Amino acid sequence: MKFVSLLAALPLAVSTAGGSDISAKVQVPGTPCGVGGAAGAVWVSDATFGKLFRIDPSKGAVVKTVATDPNPCELKLAAGSVWVVTQSGRLDRFDPATGKRLASIPVGATTYDLTYALGSIWVTNRNGGTVQRVSPTTNKVVKTVTFPPGSLPAGIGFAGGALWVGDDHGRFVTRVDPHSYKLARVRSGGLGASWIAVDGTSVWVSNTKSGSVSRIDASTRKLVSTVKVGISPVNLEVVGGDVWVPDDLADKVIRIDGATGKVLETIPVGKNPAVVAGIDGDVWVSMFDDSQVWRIHPE
């Protein structure tokens, strides 16, 4: 299959109403899900065909493709590797320089998200109702934290010395002490407190079923604010101090001021934006149903 760059088809920059520029749209096969930066490249997972694509940002094109375990999505650079969660019960580890798969680690059912903290990789298993701690040294699970029945662990982040875990259907997020593994529920500002982004002591939560984003103070464990953003906010990320939120049903990306909690701009994008990631000051967004990854340059 030939991979085509769409950079040549675009002006140098297409300004949005809020001032940010859409500087590239890169075509990829399948359904792009996770996106992240490593080794000077943009890495994108393909949830349909079980692939990991390496995009050269200077060319705006896919330059390498490697196989993953089935149904990959979220990915992150940590401990010198690219880590990819899949919903097939495996956590994949890749060398960002060569693209070689270094490990395929058994984890729980329907793994959703991951974060790096305290020298470990932490993964959420939505249908397994667990969070697992993985050692990058041994490539093995060293601890499984079980959540109460009915919990659906989704997004995860680390702030204020603790792990924060979203719940796909509930109104609470869960604080996990990484030493004692004790759990404490903290109320979010809406229903479906699924996805987590962190910045300092701020924990930002996408309330997917309420169309809002909440901010929790990790130090006080209190809800600070909630802002309405759209229909279905999903996997948000803090980039340059602001919070960028894909709305997968409204086909938009919303930018929230990280200091005031107010919406700065709403950007129309492709079909079903899934994940955003900050890479070298730009915001990259995967369009799940458009087979594209967009590059947005903040104003």
Foldseek 3Di string as FASTA:
>chain_A
DDWDWCQVVDDCWDAFPLGWTFRGKGFFPAFWAEWEDDPQWIWTAHQQQQKIFTHNVVVRITDDIDGHPHRWHHWDDDPQWIWIDGQPQWIWTAHPVPRDTDDTEGDEHGWAEWDDDPQWIWIFHFVRQWIFTAHPVVRYTPDIQHDDPPFGWHAWDDEPQWIWTFGQFAQWIWTANPPVRDIDTAGWDETRQHHWEDDHQWIWTFRFQQQKIWIAGNVVSHTDDIDHDDHGWAHWYQAPQWIWTQRQVQQWIWIARNVPRHTSDIGHHAHGWHYWYYDPQWIWIGHRVPSIIIIMHGD
